[in-house]
Amino acid sequence: MQDFNFLIIFARVVEAGSFSEAARCMDISRAAVSKAIAKLEKDLST
């Protein structure tokens, strides 16, 4: 179910317009957002 969390983080980045704002809204670090997006990109081979 962890992969679903990556999609939630991605959606929040899109809504917020930045990694930093998404991190603030989700109360997680910007690094955690960045790592989640990197993992999602890797999994999707982009």
C-alpha atoms as a PDB file:
ATOM      1  CA  MET A   1       0.000   0.000   0.000  1.00  0.00           C
ATOM      2  CA  GLN A   2       3.065   2.234   0.210  1.00  0.00           C
ATOM      3  CA  ASP A   3       2.866   2.889  -3.552  1.00  0.00           C
ATOM      4  CA  PHE A   4      -0.565   4.420  -3.042  1.00  0.00           C
ATOM      5  CA  ASN A   5       1.004   6.906  -0.625  1.00  0.00           C
ATOM      6  CA  PHE A   6       3.405   7.997  -3.373  1.00  0.00           C
ATOM      7  CA  LEU A   7       0.396   8.836  -5.550  1.00  0.00           C
ATOM      8  CA  ILE A   8      -1.203  10.802  -2.728  1.00  0.00           C
ATOM      9  CA  ILE A   9       2.000  12.792  -2.281  1.00  0.00           C
ATOM     10  CA  PHE A  10       2.196  13.388  -6.036  1.00  0.00           C
ATOM     11  CA  ALA A  11      -1.384  14.666  -6.089  1.00  0.00           C
ATOM     12  CA  ARG A  12      -0.661  16.982  -3.156  1.00  0.00           C
ATOM     13  CA  VAL A  13       2.410  18.396  -4.965  1.00  0.00           C
ATOM     14  CA  VAL A  14       0.261  19.105  -8.008  1.00  0.00           C
ATOM     15  CA  GLU A  15      -2.435  20.763  -5.886  1.00  0.00           C
ATOM     16  CA  ALA A  16       0.039  22.773  -3.813  1.00  0.00           C
ATOM     17  CA  GLY A  17       2.256  23.754  -6.725  1.00  0.00           C
ATOM     18  CA  SER A  18       5.535  22.895  -5.017  1.00  0.00           C
ATOM     19  CA  PHE A  19       7.296  20.213  -3.033  1.00  0.00           C
ATOM     20  CA  SER A  20       7.770  22.594  -0.118  1.00  0.00           C
ATOM     21  CA  GLU A  21       4.123  23.584   0.113  1.00  0.00           C
ATOM     22  CA  ALA A  22       2.986  19.972  -0.244  1.00  0.00           C
ATOM     23  CA  ALA A  23       5.350  18.974   2.554  1.00  0.00           C
ATOM     24  CA  ARG A  24       4.007  21.739   4.777  1.00  0.00           C
ATOM     25  CA  CYS A  25       0.393  20.733   4.080  1.00  0.00           C
ATOM     26  CA  MET A  26       1.119  17.068   4.785  1.00  0.00           C
ATOM     27  CA  ASP A  27       3.336  17.809   7.807  1.00  0.00           C
ATOM     28  CA  ILE A  28       6.274  15.858   6.389  1.00  0.00           C
ATOM     29  CA  SER A  29       9.742  16.955   5.331  1.00  0.00           C
ATOM     30  CA  ARG A  30      10.465  18.309   1.875  1.00  0.00           C
ATOM     31  CA  ALA A  31      13.062  15.549   1.571  1.00  0.00           C
ATOM     32  CA  ALA A  32      10.356  12.928   2.167  1.00  0.00           C
ATOM     33  CA  VAL A  33       8.265  14.460  -0.611  1.00  0.00           C
ATOM     34  CA  SER A  34      11.249  14.539  -2.925  1.00  0.00           C
ATOM     35  CA  LYS A  35      12.120  10.902  -2.186  1.00  0.00           C
ATOM     36  CA  ALA A  36       8.527   9.806  -2.745  1.00  0.00           C
ATOM     37  CA  ILE A  37       8.404  11.540  -6.128  1.00  0.00           C
ATOM     38  CA  ALA A  38      11.782  10.065  -7.103  1.00  0.00           C
ATOM     39  CA  LYS A  39      10.540   6.593  -6.169  1.00  0.00           C
ATOM     40  CA  LEU A  40       7.354   7.093  -8.160  1.00  0.00           C
ATOM     41  CA  GLU A  41       9.380   8.238 -11.189  1.00  0.00           C
ATOM     42  CA  LYS A  42      11.655   5.219 -10.866  1.00  0.00           C
ATOM     43  CA  ASP A  43       8.713   2.836 -10.589  1.00  0.00           C
ATOM     44  CA  LEU A  44       7.137   4.406 -13.677  1.00  0.00           C
ATOM     45  CA  SER A  45      10.489   4.406 -15.513  1.00  0.00           C
ATOM     46  CA  THR A  46      10.426   8.096 -16.331  1.00  0.00           C
END
